[in-house]
N, C-alpha and C. Protein backbone atom coordinates (compact mmCIF):
# COMPACT_ATOMS: atom_id res chain seq x y z
N MET A 1 26.57 -39.12 -16.67
CA MET A 1 26.04 -37.84 -16.13
C MET A 1 24.88 -38.20 -15.20
N LYS A 2 24.87 -37.28 -14.13
CA LYS A 2 23.73 -37.45 -13.18
C LYS A 2 23.27 -36.17 -12.77
N LEU A 3 22.03 -35.92 -12.55
CA LEU A 3 21.44 -34.63 -12.08
C LEU A 3 21.47 -34.66 -10.56
N ASP A 4 22.11 -33.57 -10.03
CA ASP A 4 22.16 -33.43 -8.58
C ASP A 4 20.90 -32.59 -8.13
N TYR A 5 20.07 -33.27 -7.43
CA TYR A 5 18.80 -32.58 -7.12
C TYR A 5 18.92 -31.51 -6.11
N PHE A 6 19.91 -31.42 -5.31
CA PHE A 6 20.06 -30.43 -4.29
C PHE A 6 20.64 -29.09 -4.95
N SER A 7 21.56 -29.27 -5.81
CA SER A 7 22.12 -28.01 -6.45
C SER A 7 21.65 -27.76 -7.95
N HIS A 8 20.77 -28.72 -8.42
CA HIS A 8 20.16 -28.54 -9.69
C HIS A 8 21.16 -28.38 -10.81
N ARG A 9 22.26 -29.33 -10.74
CA ARG A 9 23.24 -29.19 -11.76
C ARG A 9 23.64 -30.64 -12.15
N VAL A 10 24.17 -30.74 -13.30
CA VAL A 10 24.64 -32.16 -13.81
C VAL A 10 25.96 -32.33 -13.49
N THR A 11 26.34 -33.50 -12.81
CA THR A 11 27.75 -33.79 -12.54
C THR A 11 28.13 -35.09 -13.08
N ASP A 12 29.36 -35.26 -13.44
CA ASP A 12 29.95 -36.40 -13.95
C ASP A 12 30.12 -37.36 -12.85
N GLU A 13 29.69 -38.59 -12.95
CA GLU A 13 29.78 -39.53 -11.86
C GLU A 13 31.22 -39.87 -11.56
N LYS A 14 32.03 -39.67 -12.57
CA LYS A 14 33.51 -39.97 -12.27
C LYS A 14 34.24 -38.84 -11.62
N SER A 15 33.62 -37.66 -11.42
CA SER A 15 34.27 -36.46 -10.90
C SER A 15 34.52 -36.78 -9.45
N PRO A 16 35.57 -36.05 -8.86
CA PRO A 16 35.86 -36.09 -7.42
C PRO A 16 34.73 -35.51 -6.59
N LEU A 17 34.01 -34.58 -7.18
CA LEU A 17 32.94 -33.98 -6.48
C LEU A 17 31.79 -35.02 -6.12
N HIS A 18 31.47 -35.81 -7.12
CA HIS A 18 30.46 -36.85 -7.07
C HIS A 18 30.95 -37.94 -6.05
N LYS A 19 32.14 -38.31 -6.08
CA LYS A 19 32.73 -39.37 -5.10
C LYS A 19 32.69 -38.83 -3.74
N GLN A 20 33.02 -37.51 -3.49
CA GLN A 20 33.02 -37.01 -2.19
C GLN A 20 31.49 -36.91 -1.66
N SER A 21 30.59 -36.48 -2.41
CA SER A 21 29.30 -36.30 -1.99
C SER A 21 28.57 -37.66 -1.71
N SER A 22 28.94 -38.69 -2.61
CA SER A 22 28.36 -39.97 -2.38
C SER A 22 28.95 -40.69 -1.16
N GLN A 23 30.31 -40.41 -0.94
CA GLN A 23 30.90 -40.88 0.30
C GLN A 23 30.22 -40.32 1.53
N SER A 24 29.96 -38.94 1.53
CA SER A 24 29.38 -38.43 2.83
C SER A 24 28.05 -38.92 2.97
N LEU A 25 27.21 -39.10 1.77
CA LEU A 25 25.93 -39.70 2.04
C LEU A 25 26.01 -41.16 2.48
N ALA A 26 27.02 -41.88 2.06
CA ALA A 26 27.05 -43.26 2.36
C ALA A 26 27.57 -43.43 3.81
N ASN A 27 28.38 -42.41 4.35
CA ASN A 27 28.87 -42.57 5.64
C ASN A 27 28.36 -41.39 6.38
N PRO A 28 27.36 -41.59 7.24
CA PRO A 28 26.70 -40.52 7.98
C PRO A 28 27.65 -40.01 9.07
N SER A 29 28.60 -40.85 9.53
CA SER A 29 29.48 -40.39 10.54
C SER A 29 30.41 -39.20 10.06
N VAL A 30 30.77 -39.26 8.73
CA VAL A 30 31.51 -38.09 8.27
C VAL A 30 30.61 -36.78 8.32
N TRP A 31 29.48 -36.97 7.97
CA TRP A 31 28.53 -35.74 8.07
C TRP A 31 28.38 -35.30 9.48
N VAL A 32 28.12 -36.23 10.43
CA VAL A 32 27.94 -35.81 11.76
C VAL A 32 29.34 -35.20 12.26
N ALA A 33 30.37 -35.75 11.93
CA ALA A 33 31.74 -35.17 12.45
C ALA A 33 31.88 -33.82 11.89
N LYS A 34 31.47 -33.47 10.58
CA LYS A 34 31.57 -32.18 10.06
C LYS A 34 30.66 -31.18 10.76
N ARG A 35 29.45 -31.62 11.07
CA ARG A 35 28.57 -30.76 11.80
C ARG A 35 29.11 -30.45 13.25
N GLN A 36 29.65 -31.50 13.82
CA GLN A 36 30.22 -31.29 15.25
C GLN A 36 31.39 -30.41 15.14
N ARG A 37 32.26 -30.53 14.10
CA ARG A 37 33.40 -29.59 13.93
C ARG A 37 32.96 -28.19 13.68
N ASN A 38 31.95 -28.09 12.92
CA ASN A 38 31.47 -26.65 12.58
C ASN A 38 30.90 -26.16 13.89
N LYS A 39 30.15 -26.88 14.70
CA LYS A 39 29.64 -26.40 15.96
C LYS A 39 30.66 -26.01 16.86
N VAL A 40 31.73 -26.79 16.98
CA VAL A 40 32.97 -26.49 17.89
C VAL A 40 33.56 -25.25 17.43
N GLU A 41 33.73 -25.14 16.08
CA GLU A 41 34.42 -23.82 15.55
C GLU A 41 33.52 -22.63 15.94
N LYS A 42 32.17 -22.74 15.81
CA LYS A 42 31.28 -21.69 16.09
C LYS A 42 31.50 -21.32 17.60
N ASP A 43 31.35 -22.37 18.43
CA ASP A 43 31.48 -22.13 19.90
C ASP A 43 32.89 -21.43 20.15
N LEU A 44 33.91 -21.90 19.50
CA LEU A 44 35.18 -21.32 19.73
C LEU A 44 35.23 -19.88 19.44
N ASP A 45 34.61 -19.49 18.28
CA ASP A 45 34.46 -18.00 17.94
C ASP A 45 33.68 -17.25 18.99
N ILE A 46 32.65 -17.80 19.51
CA ILE A 46 31.76 -17.27 20.54
C ILE A 46 32.64 -17.02 21.82
N LEU A 47 33.40 -18.04 22.23
CA LEU A 47 34.24 -17.94 23.31
C LEU A 47 35.35 -16.91 23.22
N LYS A 48 35.96 -16.88 22.02
CA LYS A 48 36.95 -15.84 21.73
C LYS A 48 36.41 -14.40 21.86
N ASN A 49 35.19 -14.22 21.24
CA ASN A 49 34.53 -12.92 21.34
C ASN A 49 34.18 -12.61 22.84
N ARG A 50 33.74 -13.53 23.59
CA ARG A 50 33.42 -13.36 25.02
C ARG A 50 34.68 -12.99 25.86
N ILE A 51 35.78 -13.65 25.51
CA ILE A 51 37.03 -13.42 26.26
C ILE A 51 37.49 -12.03 25.85
N ASN A 52 37.37 -11.63 24.61
CA ASN A 52 37.73 -10.27 24.20
C ASN A 52 36.86 -9.21 24.82
N LEU A 53 35.52 -9.46 25.03
CA LEU A 53 34.71 -8.57 25.67
C LEU A 53 35.04 -8.44 27.15
N LEU A 54 35.26 -9.51 27.82
CA LEU A 54 35.66 -9.57 29.20
C LEU A 54 36.94 -8.77 29.44
N SER A 55 37.85 -8.97 28.57
CA SER A 55 39.18 -8.31 28.60
C SER A 55 38.97 -6.77 28.51
N GLN A 56 38.08 -6.32 27.65
CA GLN A 56 37.86 -4.96 27.49
C GLN A 56 37.17 -4.44 28.82
N VAL A 57 36.23 -5.13 29.34
CA VAL A 57 35.55 -4.80 30.54
C VAL A 57 36.58 -4.66 31.73
N GLU A 58 37.53 -5.63 31.77
CA GLU A 58 38.54 -5.69 32.81
C GLU A 58 39.42 -4.46 32.70
N ASN A 59 39.86 -4.13 31.46
CA ASN A 59 40.70 -2.97 31.32
C ASN A 59 40.04 -1.70 31.71
N LYS A 60 38.73 -1.58 31.38
CA LYS A 60 37.90 -0.41 31.83
C LYS A 60 37.87 -0.28 33.38
N ALA A 61 37.58 -1.44 33.92
CA ALA A 61 37.59 -1.45 35.47
C ALA A 61 38.94 -1.19 36.03
N GLN A 62 40.04 -1.65 35.56
CA GLN A 62 41.29 -1.35 35.98
C GLN A 62 41.55 0.19 35.85
N LYS A 63 41.20 0.79 34.77
CA LYS A 63 41.30 2.18 34.62
C LYS A 63 40.61 2.97 35.64
N LYS A 64 39.38 2.54 35.88
CA LYS A 64 38.57 3.26 36.88
C LYS A 64 39.25 3.10 38.23
N VAL A 65 39.74 1.97 38.62
CA VAL A 65 40.39 1.67 39.84
C VAL A 65 41.54 2.66 39.97
N LYS A 66 42.27 2.78 38.95
CA LYS A 66 43.49 3.63 39.00
C LYS A 66 43.11 5.06 39.16
N GLU A 67 42.11 5.51 38.41
CA GLU A 67 41.58 6.94 38.60
C GLU A 67 41.16 7.08 40.00
N MET A 68 40.39 6.22 40.61
CA MET A 68 39.89 6.29 41.94
C MET A 68 41.06 6.42 42.94
N GLN A 69 42.09 5.52 42.72
CA GLN A 69 43.32 5.48 43.59
C GLN A 69 43.96 6.89 43.53
N GLN A 70 44.08 7.57 42.39
CA GLN A 70 44.64 8.87 42.26
C GLN A 70 43.81 9.89 42.98
N LYS A 71 42.48 9.76 42.83
CA LYS A 71 41.59 10.77 43.53
C LYS A 71 41.76 10.56 45.04
N THR A 72 41.84 9.30 45.52
CA THR A 72 41.97 9.09 46.92
C THR A 72 43.36 9.61 47.37
N ASP A 73 44.39 9.46 46.63
CA ASP A 73 45.72 9.97 46.98
C ASP A 73 45.66 11.45 47.12
N LYS A 74 44.94 12.16 46.22
CA LYS A 74 44.83 13.61 46.21
C LYS A 74 44.04 14.01 47.49
N ILE A 75 42.93 13.37 47.85
CA ILE A 75 42.22 13.70 48.91
C ILE A 75 43.03 13.50 50.25
N LEU A 76 43.77 12.47 50.28
CA LEU A 76 44.56 12.21 51.48
C LEU A 76 45.68 13.25 51.60
N GLU A 77 46.16 13.71 50.51
CA GLU A 77 47.24 14.74 50.51
C GLU A 77 46.64 16.07 50.97
N LEU A 78 45.39 16.39 50.43
CA LEU A 78 44.78 17.71 50.84
C LEU A 78 44.46 17.62 52.22
N LYS A 79 43.95 16.48 52.83
CA LYS A 79 43.67 16.33 54.27
C LYS A 79 44.95 16.57 55.12
N GLN A 80 46.06 16.08 54.64
CA GLN A 80 47.33 16.28 55.36
C GLN A 80 47.71 17.71 55.39
N THR A 81 47.54 18.35 54.14
CA THR A 81 47.83 19.74 53.99
C THR A 81 46.99 20.67 54.95
N VAL A 82 45.76 20.36 54.98
CA VAL A 82 44.85 21.12 55.98
C VAL A 82 45.11 20.80 57.36
N LYS A 83 45.46 19.68 57.70
CA LYS A 83 45.97 19.39 59.13
C LYS A 83 47.18 20.00 59.45
N SER A 84 48.15 20.18 58.56
CA SER A 84 49.42 20.80 58.91
C SER A 84 49.14 22.26 58.96
N ILE A 85 48.22 22.96 58.17
CA ILE A 85 47.88 24.34 58.21
C ILE A 85 47.28 24.63 59.50
N LYS A 86 46.28 23.78 59.90
CA LYS A 86 45.64 23.99 61.28
C LYS A 86 46.67 24.00 62.42
N ALA A 87 47.70 23.01 62.28
CA ALA A 87 48.65 22.95 63.39
C ALA A 87 49.41 24.15 63.37
N VAL A 88 49.73 24.77 62.34
CA VAL A 88 50.66 25.98 62.24
C VAL A 88 49.79 27.16 62.83
N LEU A 89 48.55 27.27 62.54
CA LEU A 89 47.65 28.38 62.92
C LEU A 89 47.37 28.28 64.51
N LYS A 90 47.50 27.17 65.13
CA LYS A 90 47.26 27.03 66.58
C LYS A 90 48.32 27.74 67.35
């Protein structure tokens, strides 16, 4: 038995948990790789959220463009109607 100072618990030195923790401490590259992987996963989540946000902004902008195009079409139609009425009245 051995006292684990970080978690304040007693572990059996023959347990897989002890072997894994002693291997990570013995091989710092494993620890570094885990930290790098965690950072990459966090960056991936941030990028996914950013893409989602940009997609929402794009959809909003497309909706506004569509609404503006519809308003423009109505204005042009009204102009044509007024023009044709003026032509009839002359």
